[in-house]
Amino acid sequence: MRCRPAGGRGGEHHQQRELVGASAAPLREDPLEVKMPFQTRRSPPATTVLVAGGAGFLGSFLCERLIGEGKRVICLDSFRTGTPENLRGLNRDPRFSFLEADVCEPLPASMKVDQIYNLACPASPRHYQADPVHTLLTSVLGARNLLELARSNHARLLQASTSEVYGDPNQHPQRESYWGNVNPVGIRACYDEGKRAAEALCFDFMRTRHVDVRVARIFNTYGPRMRADDGRIVSNLIVQALSGRPLTIYGSGQQTRSFCFVTDLIEGLARLMEVQDNPRTPINIGNSDEYTINELAQLVSKLTGSASPVVYEPLPADDPHLRRPDITFARKFLNWAPRTSIGDGLKATISWFANARQEEQPSRRMFKPVDLALQPVSVAGATG
């Protein structure tokens, strides 16, 4: 475990559809509904925030946002899937520091923080299946270590959970009250069940140890800084289209996903962290517009000008057939909904990958990222 100011490692750190939103059914009666005496420290002007997994795709955007708000940020990452390049825009900011560590290992007892974001876990099937044992331990032991740190600091913790806790759902769209349809012994279980166990741990710490925990169930997110080798459908299709290779679709392509642009997602996480009253339930954070994978491939082809043919491969085991969040609770508790259309989001992502290909170099990443200022876009037909 190494702690150093930013700049370590040689200083290299660095057509939208109408919203269909069914009202969510009331949650089951649950002990979480009982008011509890949280001992949460109020966020002072000089709030110190720990972002576990801060060198990753989502984490790096979150670190930038927090620094922009004037907060002190400690970024913790093991670089299993995150990269120093994602943080290079922060390396000279005196409010930013970096700790290279694995959340499975004990954290420094002397660390003083006001808020903790736990984003520390590989999130794409290709990466979390590469070392499934470590993936599950990261979800459970990592969450335990960060929850203990939150308890000792009277800090607020946001757990980044996932739509994968719903498995291959029998309910559509998916509401927070749905318990899911997960294969506990399948090839995705290391992630699906790891995140489900982490949620259970979070709510047990809330109930028995009075830790102020918020849980975000994140649905498919895309944008600049995605790894080209992560195996996710958006990055796969864009990289293949830009390189003139056939576009690979798994299964029939009729399975659906709901794609949320990264800056919209980060806005949702920040609102969940900062809302004063604890929702005492997981909150879906994602875009409720739904597209088939075939539709996504057609849109990527159109925006890239690609003439690549589409090839179909067998669908991986336990891959969900339907995926769309009900975001009623996010609208109600957080006054949040995504603002960026799929067209605008894909254009920004394609532009980033296109520029990155021009700077391609041997590294742990296939592409080296370039700086790109991004703001949520409000357009006609957007969902928020």
Protein backbone atom coordinates (compact mmCIF):
# COMPACT_ATOMS: atom_id res chain seq x y z
CA MET A 1 0.00 0.00 0.00
CA ARG A 2 1.47 3.31 -1.05
CA CYS A 3 0.14 6.75 -0.35
CA ARG A 4 1.41 9.69 -2.32
CA PRO A 5 0.23 13.03 -3.63
CA ALA A 6 -1.15 13.17 -7.14
CA GLY A 7 1.45 12.95 -9.85
CA GLY A 8 2.85 9.58 -8.75
CA ARG A 9 4.05 7.00 -11.23
CA GLY A 10 6.31 9.51 -12.91
CA GLY A 11 3.63 12.22 -13.00
CA GLU A 12 1.53 10.33 -15.58
CA HIS A 13 -1.69 10.53 -13.55
CA HIS A 14 -2.71 11.54 -15.03
CA GLN A 15 -33.94 10.12 -31.61
CA GLN A 16 -34.67 9.70 -27.83
CA ARG A 17 -38.00 7.96 -27.12
CA GLU A 18 -40.79 9.09 -24.92
CA LEU A 19 -40.11 8.13 -21.33
CA VAL A 20 -42.15 5.16 -20.22
CA GLY A 21 -42.07 5.30 -16.42
CA ALA A 22 -44.43 3.04 -14.57
CA SER A 23 -45.02 4.14 -11.01
CA ALA A 24 -43.11 2.03 -8.54
CA ALA A 25 -45.07 -0.16 -6.17
CA PRO A 26 -44.57 0.66 -2.49
CA LEU A 27 -41.64 -1.14 -0.93
CA ARG A 28 -42.36 -4.00 1.42
CA GLU A 29 -42.59 -3.08 5.07
CA ASP A 30 -39.05 -3.35 6.30
CA PRO A 31 -37.06 -2.51 9.43
CA LEU A 32 -35.15 0.02 7.31
CA GLU A 33 -38.23 2.23 7.42
CA VAL A 34 -37.65 2.81 11.13
CA LYS A 35 -35.95 6.13 11.83
CA MET A 36 -32.47 5.62 13.24
CA PRO A 37 -30.13 7.93 15.15
CA PHE A 38 -27.44 8.39 12.52
CA GLN A 39 -24.27 10.03 13.80
CA THR A 40 -23.30 11.47 10.45
CA ARG A 41 -20.87 14.35 10.32
CA ARG A 42 -22.29 17.32 8.47
CA SER A 43 -20.31 18.19 5.35
CA PRO A 44 -18.15 21.26 6.12
CA PRO A 45 -16.74 23.52 3.39
CA ALA A 46 -13.49 21.52 3.42
CA THR A 47 -15.09 18.10 3.09
CA THR A 48 -12.62 15.24 2.62
CA VAL A 49 -13.90 12.49 0.33
CA LEU A 50 -12.42 9.04 -0.24
CA VAL A 51 -13.19 7.62 -3.70
CA ALA A 52 -12.38 3.91 -3.78
CA GLY A 53 -11.92 2.85 -7.39
CA GLY A 54 -11.27 6.47 -8.30
CA ALA A 55 -8.94 5.73 -11.22
CA GLY A 56 -11.62 3.88 -13.13
CA PHE A 57 -14.10 5.01 -15.76
CA LEU A 58 -16.74 6.31 -13.35
CA GLY A 59 -14.38 7.07 -10.48
CA SER A 60 -12.22 9.49 -12.43
CA PHE A 61 -15.23 11.57 -13.48
CA LEU A 62 -16.40 11.58 -9.88
CA CYS A 63 -12.99 12.73 -8.61
CA GLU A 64 -13.01 15.61 -11.10
CA ARG A 65 -16.49 16.67 -10.05
CA LEU A 66 -15.63 16.62 -6.35
CA ILE A 67 -12.44 18.63 -6.87
CA GLY A 68 -14.48 21.10 -8.92
CA GLU A 69 -16.79 21.50 -5.92
CA GLY A 70 -13.85 22.50 -3.74
CA LYS A 71 -13.58 19.22 -1.81
CA ARG A 72 -10.43 17.40 -0.81
CA VAL A 73 -10.25 14.04 -2.57
CA ILE A 74 -8.31 10.91 -1.67
CA CYS A 75 -8.40 8.54 -4.62
CA LEU A 76 -7.79 4.87 -3.78
CA ASP A 77 -7.18 2.36 -6.55
CA SER A 78 -5.19 -0.83 -7.17
CA PHE A 79 -4.94 -0.27 -10.96
CA ARG A 80 -6.43 -3.67 -11.73
CA THR A 81 -8.80 -1.98 -14.18
CA GLY A 82 -8.31 1.73 -13.47
CA THR A 83 -5.42 3.65 -15.05
CA PRO A 84 -3.17 6.56 -14.02
CA GLU A 85 -4.03 8.29 -17.31
CA ASN A 86 -7.62 8.77 -16.12
CA LEU A 87 -6.32 10.99 -13.32
CA ARG A 88 -3.74 13.02 -15.18
CA GLY A 89 -5.90 16.16 -15.14
CA LEU A 90 -5.78 16.15 -11.33
CA ASN A 91 -2.10 15.55 -10.69
CA ARG A 92 -1.21 19.13 -9.84
CA ASP A 93 -4.21 19.99 -7.70
CA PRO A 94 -3.15 20.31 -4.02
CA ARG A 95 -6.56 19.06 -2.88
CA PHE A 96 -6.05 15.71 -4.63
CA SER A 97 -4.00 12.80 -3.30
CA PHE A 98 -3.66 9.19 -4.37
CA LEU A 99 -3.42 5.96 -2.40
CA GLU A 100 -2.44 2.83 -4.34
CA ALA A 101 -4.08 0.02 -2.41
CA ASP A 102 -6.47 -2.93 -2.62
CA VAL A 103 -9.66 -2.43 -0.61
CA CYS A 104 -9.50 -6.10 0.36
CA GLU A 105 -6.53 -5.21 2.56
CA PRO A 106 -6.81 -3.25 5.83
CA LEU A 107 -7.00 0.50 5.31
CA PRO A 108 -4.90 3.03 7.28
CA ALA A 109 -6.58 3.54 10.65
CA SER A 110 -5.39 7.13 10.71
CA MET A 111 -7.33 8.11 7.58
CA LYS A 112 -9.82 10.91 8.31
CA VAL A 113 -12.68 11.36 5.87
CA ASP A 114 -16.18 12.85 5.81
CA GLN A 115 -17.61 10.89 2.87
CA ILE A 116 -16.76 7.63 1.13
CA TYR A 117 -17.75 6.49 -2.37
CA ASN A 118 -17.18 2.77 -2.91
CA LEU A 119 -16.72 2.17 -6.64
CA ALA A 120 -13.96 -0.38 -6.14
CA CYS A 121 -14.82 -3.44 -8.23
CA PRO A 122 -14.34 -4.51 -11.86
CA ALA A 123 -17.65 -3.85 -13.59
CA SER A 124 -17.48 -5.47 -17.03
CA PRO A 125 -17.98 -9.24 -17.42
CA ARG A 126 -14.63 -9.67 -19.14
CA HIS A 127 -12.80 -8.04 -16.24
CA TYR A 128 -14.76 -9.36 -13.29
CA GLN A 129 -14.63 -12.92 -14.67
CA ALA A 130 -10.85 -12.71 -15.15
CA ASP A 131 -10.35 -13.28 -11.40
CA PRO A 132 -13.77 -14.19 -10.01
CA VAL A 133 -12.51 -14.96 -6.50
CA HIS A 134 -10.91 -11.54 -6.16
CA THR A 135 -14.03 -9.91 -7.63
CA LEU A 136 -16.26 -11.42 -4.96
CA LEU A 137 -13.81 -10.60 -2.18
CA THR A 138 -13.52 -7.02 -3.43
CA SER A 139 -17.28 -6.65 -3.20
CA VAL A 140 -17.55 -8.12 0.30
CA LEU A 141 -14.25 -7.54 2.12
CA GLY A 142 -13.79 -4.19 0.40
CA ALA A 143 -17.24 -3.04 1.46
CA ARG A 144 -16.59 -4.28 5.03
CA ASN A 145 -13.30 -2.36 5.27
CA LEU A 146 -14.83 0.85 3.95
CA LEU A 147 -17.90 0.51 6.18
CA GLU A 148 -15.63 0.15 9.22
CA LEU A 149 -13.76 3.26 8.12
CA ALA A 150 -17.07 5.09 7.75
CA ARG A 151 -18.12 4.00 11.22
CA SER A 152 -14.89 5.12 12.88
CA ASN A 153 -15.11 8.51 11.14
CA HIS A 154 -18.91 8.99 11.50
CA ALA A 155 -18.75 9.39 7.72
CA ARG A 156 -21.43 8.88 5.10
CA LEU A 157 -20.83 6.05 2.61
CA LEU A 158 -22.27 5.55 -0.87
CA GLN A 159 -22.10 1.99 -2.16
CA ALA A 160 -22.03 1.61 -5.94
CA SER A 161 -24.19 -1.43 -6.51
CA THR A 162 -25.48 -2.59 -9.87
CA SER A 163 -28.50 -3.57 -11.92
CA GLU A 164 -26.91 -7.04 -12.01
CA VAL A 165 -28.47 -7.69 -8.59
CA TYR A 166 -31.72 -8.18 -10.55
CA GLY A 167 -30.12 -10.94 -12.65
CA ASP A 168 -32.09 -11.96 -15.75
CA PRO A 169 -35.23 -10.23 -14.48
CA ASN A 170 -38.78 -11.52 -14.50
CA GLN A 171 -40.03 -8.00 -13.73
CA HIS A 172 -39.84 -5.23 -16.30
CA PRO A 173 -38.95 -2.46 -15.77
CA GLN A 174 -36.97 -3.26 -12.67
CA ARG A 175 -38.04 -1.61 -9.42
CA GLU A 176 -36.02 -1.45 -6.21
CA SER A 177 -38.58 -3.69 -4.49
CA TYR A 178 -37.82 -6.56 -6.91
CA TRP A 179 -35.60 -9.25 -5.35
CA GLY A 180 -34.13 -10.48 -8.62
CA ASN A 181 -33.53 -13.69 -10.55
CA VAL A 182 -29.84 -14.48 -10.08
CA ASN A 183 -27.93 -17.70 -10.72
CA PRO A 184 -25.85 -18.03 -7.52
CA VAL A 185 -23.38 -20.52 -9.04
CA GLY A 186 -23.02 -19.21 -12.61
CA ILE A 187 -20.11 -17.46 -14.27
CA ARG A 188 -21.55 -14.03 -13.39
CA ALA A 189 -22.20 -14.89 -9.74
CA CYS A 190 -18.87 -13.49 -8.54
CA TYR A 191 -20.16 -10.04 -9.46
CA ASP A 192 -23.95 -10.46 -9.12
CA GLU A 193 -23.84 -12.19 -5.75
CA GLY A 194 -20.86 -10.18 -4.58
CA LYS A 195 -22.82 -6.97 -5.06
CA ARG A 196 -25.93 -8.48 -3.47
CA ALA A 197 -23.86 -9.48 -0.43
CA ALA A 198 -22.34 -5.99 -0.30
CA GLU A 199 -25.84 -4.49 -0.21
CA ALA A 200 -26.78 -6.79 2.66
CA LEU A 201 -23.65 -5.78 4.52
CA CYS A 202 -24.40 -2.09 3.99
CA PHE A 203 -27.92 -2.34 5.38
CA ASP A 204 -26.74 -4.44 8.33
CA PHE A 205 -24.19 -1.74 9.17
CA MET A 206 -27.01 0.80 8.88
CA ARG A 207 -29.34 -1.17 11.15
CA THR A 208 -26.91 -2.35 13.81
CA ARG A 209 -24.02 0.11 13.74
CA HIS A 210 -25.81 3.29 12.69
CA VAL A 211 -23.65 4.00 9.64
CA ASP A 212 -25.29 6.40 7.17
CA VAL A 213 -25.17 4.29 3.99
CA ARG A 214 -26.70 5.06 0.59
CA VAL A 215 -26.90 2.37 -2.11
CA ALA A 216 -27.04 3.20 -5.82
CA ARG A 217 -28.00 0.45 -8.26
CA ILE A 218 -26.17 1.58 -11.39
CA PHE A 219 -27.53 0.59 -14.80
CA ASN A 220 -25.51 0.45 -18.05
CA THR A 221 -23.32 3.55 -18.27
CA TYR A 222 -21.14 4.69 -21.17
CA GLY A 223 -18.95 7.58 -22.22
CA PRO A 224 -15.35 8.71 -22.70
CA ARG A 225 -12.65 6.80 -20.77
CA MET A 226 -14.31 3.45 -21.21
CA ARG A 227 -11.62 0.85 -21.76
CA ALA A 228 -11.51 -0.39 -25.32
CA ASP A 229 -10.86 -3.92 -24.07
CA ASP A 230 -13.61 -4.10 -21.44
CA GLY A 231 -15.99 -6.19 -23.58
CA ARG A 232 -19.01 -3.95 -22.98
CA ILE A 233 -21.41 -3.53 -25.85
CA VAL A 234 -20.97 0.23 -26.38
CA SER A 235 -17.16 0.16 -26.42
CA ASN A 236 -17.12 -3.06 -28.47
CA LEU A 237 -19.33 -1.64 -31.22
CA ILE A 238 -17.57 1.74 -31.37
CA VAL A 239 -14.07 0.24 -31.52
CA GLN A 240 -15.13 -2.26 -34.19
CA ALA A 241 -16.91 0.40 -36.26
CA LEU A 242 -13.95 2.79 -36.15
CA SER A 243 -11.52 0.06 -37.14
CA GLY A 244 -13.69 -1.28 -39.97
CA ARG A 245 -14.19 -4.68 -38.35
CA PRO A 246 -17.53 -6.55 -38.26
CA LEU A 247 -19.84 -5.49 -35.45
CA THR A 248 -20.29 -8.35 -33.00
CA ILE A 249 -23.69 -8.91 -31.42
CA TYR A 250 -24.26 -11.70 -28.93
CA GLY A 251 -27.54 -13.54 -29.13
CA SER A 252 -30.31 -12.36 -31.44
CA GLY A 253 -29.73 -8.69 -30.69
CA GLN A 254 -33.32 -8.36 -29.48
CA GLN A 255 -32.23 -8.22 -25.85
CA THR A 256 -32.56 -4.71 -24.44
CA ARG A 257 -30.44 -2.29 -22.44
CA SER A 258 -30.90 1.26 -21.13
CA PHE A 259 -27.83 3.44 -21.59
CA CYS A 260 -26.96 6.33 -19.25
CA PHE A 261 -24.26 8.86 -20.15
CA VAL A 262 -21.46 9.09 -17.61
CA THR A 263 -21.96 12.71 -16.50
CA ASP A 264 -25.65 12.06 -15.87
CA LEU A 265 -24.76 9.04 -13.77
CA ILE A 266 -22.22 11.01 -11.71
CA GLU A 267 -24.86 13.69 -11.07
CA GLY A 268 -27.18 11.00 -9.70
CA LEU A 269 -24.49 9.60 -7.40
CA ALA A 270 -23.62 13.05 -6.08
CA ARG A 271 -27.26 13.83 -5.34
CA LEU A 272 -27.71 10.54 -3.51
CA MET A 273 -24.66 11.27 -1.37
CA GLU A 274 -25.72 14.80 -0.53
CA VAL A 275 -29.47 14.37 0.08
CA GLN A 276 -29.99 15.00 3.78
CA ASP A 277 -32.63 12.34 4.52
CA ASN A 278 -31.39 8.80 4.04
CA PRO A 279 -33.73 7.05 1.53
CA ARG A 280 -33.26 3.75 3.45
CA THR A 281 -33.63 1.79 0.22
CA PRO A 282 -31.42 1.15 -2.79
CA ILE A 283 -32.00 3.69 -5.56
CA ASN A 284 -31.89 2.86 -9.28
CA ILE A 285 -29.62 5.27 -11.17
CA GLY A 286 -29.86 4.87 -14.93
CA ASN A 287 -31.65 5.90 -18.09
CA SER A 288 -35.15 4.51 -18.50
CA ASP A 289 -35.08 4.74 -22.31
CA GLU A 290 -34.75 1.22 -23.69
CA TYR A 291 -33.05 0.02 -26.89
CA THR A 292 -32.40 -3.36 -28.41
CA ILE A 293 -28.78 -4.22 -29.11
CA ASN A 294 -29.64 -4.28 -32.83
CA GLU A 295 -30.90 -0.70 -32.56
CA LEU A 296 -27.71 0.34 -30.77
CA ALA A 297 -25.55 -1.24 -33.49
CA GLN A 298 -27.51 0.58 -36.20
CA LEU A 299 -27.06 3.90 -34.40
CA VAL A 300 -23.31 3.37 -33.92
CA SER A 301 -22.97 2.49 -37.61
CA LYS A 302 -24.84 5.64 -38.61
CA LEU A 303 -22.85 7.96 -36.33
CA THR A 304 -19.47 6.52 -37.31
CA GLY A 305 -20.28 6.18 -41.01
CA SER A 306 -19.27 2.53 -40.78
CA ALA A 307 -20.21 0.01 -43.45
CA SER A 308 -19.14 -2.93 -41.29
CA PRO A 309 -21.41 -5.96 -41.40
CA VAL A 310 -23.02 -7.35 -38.25
CA VAL A 311 -22.06 -10.83 -37.07
CA TYR A 312 -23.96 -12.77 -34.43
CA GLU A 313 -22.36 -14.92 -31.74
CA PRO A 314 -23.95 -17.12 -29.06
CA LEU A 315 -25.32 -15.30 -26.03
CA PRO A 316 -23.15 -15.81 -22.91
CA ALA A 317 -24.62 -17.73 -20.00
CA ASP A 318 -26.99 -15.81 -17.70
CA ASP A 319 -26.83 -12.68 -19.84
CA PRO A 320 -29.99 -10.63 -19.07
CA HIS A 321 -32.60 -10.42 -21.83
CA LEU A 322 -34.28 -7.24 -20.59
CA ARG A 323 -32.80 -4.31 -18.72
CA ARG A 324 -34.58 -1.04 -17.92
CA PRO A 325 -34.75 0.79 -14.60
CA ASP A 326 -37.80 2.26 -13.00
CA ILE A 327 -36.37 5.58 -11.75
CA THR A 328 -39.45 6.78 -9.90
CA PHE A 329 -37.58 6.83 -6.58
CA ALA A 330 -34.64 8.76 -8.07
CA ARG A 331 -37.05 11.38 -9.37
CA LYS A 332 -38.86 11.56 -6.03
CA PHE A 333 -35.96 11.49 -3.55
CA LEU A 334 -33.21 13.11 -5.61
CA ASN A 335 -35.10 15.20 -8.16
CA TRP A 336 -32.87 13.47 -10.68
CA ALA A 337 -33.30 12.10 -14.19
CA PRO A 338 -30.79 11.74 -17.05
CA ARG A 339 -30.54 14.65 -19.47
CA THR A 340 -28.25 13.44 -22.25
CA SER A 341 -29.79 11.85 -25.33
CA ILE A 342 -28.37 8.60 -26.67
CA GLY A 343 -27.36 10.40 -29.87
CA ASP A 344 -25.42 13.16 -28.11
CA GLY A 345 -23.83 10.73 -25.69
CA LEU A 346 -22.68 8.38 -28.43
CA LYS A 347 -21.28 11.27 -30.49
CA ALA A 348 -19.12 12.38 -27.54
CA THR A 349 -18.00 8.80 -26.87
CA ILE A 350 -17.19 8.10 -30.53
CA SER A 351 -15.22 11.35 -30.74
CA TRP A 352 -13.18 10.34 -27.70
CA PHE A 353 -12.40 6.88 -29.08
CA ALA A 354 -11.56 8.33 -32.51
CA ASN A 355 -9.08 10.80 -31.00
CA ALA A 356 -7.66 8.10 -28.76
CA ARG A 357 -6.99 5.79 -31.71
CA GLN A 358 -4.77 8.47 -33.22
CA GLU A 359 -2.64 8.44 -30.08
CA GLU A 360 -2.62 4.68 -29.68
CA GLN A 361 0.52 3.42 -27.93
CA PRO A 362 1.66 0.27 -26.12
CA SER A 363 0.33 0.40 -22.55
CA ARG A 364 -1.98 -1.37 -20.17
CA ARG A 365 -4.75 0.28 -22.16
CA MET A 366 -5.43 -0.22 -25.83
CA PHE A 367 -6.06 3.50 -26.24
CA LYS A 368 -4.61 6.48 -24.43
CA PRO A 369 -7.36 8.92 -23.41
CA VAL A 370 -7.40 12.56 -24.38
CA ASP A 371 -8.91 15.47 -22.50
CA LEU A 372 -12.48 16.25 -23.49
CA ALA A 373 -14.68 18.69 -21.61
CA LEU A 374 -18.15 17.22 -21.26
CA GLN A 375 -21.33 18.73 -19.85
CA PRO A 376 -24.78 17.13 -19.67
CA VAL A 377 -26.78 18.10 -22.70
CA SER A 378 -30.42 19.09 -22.55
CA VAL A 379 -32.22 18.42 -25.83
CA ALA A 380 -35.76 17.98 -27.03
CA GLY A 381 -36.99 14.55 -26.17
CA ALA A 382 -34.48 13.96 -23.38
CA THR A 383 -35.74 12.26 -20.26
CA GLY A 384 -35.10 14.93 -17.68
